[in-house]
Amino acid sequence: MNDISLLADGRAAPWFVGWGTLALINAGLAQGKNRSGLLWFLLSLVLGPIATLVLVLMPKARQTLF
């Protein structure tokens, strides 16, 4: 079975929704740790759950004084 037919019949749709939702959650998690939400959103689209694991293990970034 080729990839085009998999997308056409809708069986892959839940994967795209879940992956996109995870990317949004990771963006919020990154912002909570004083990191770039946009950067982590884009990384999460590529890395998925691996980006979540990295974010959870990273310490919170320090805020600058200025």
Foldseek 3Di string as FASTA:
>chain_A
DDPVVCVVVPVCVVVVVVLLVQLQVLLVLQVVLVHHSVVSSVVSNVVPVVSVVVSVPDHRDDDDPD
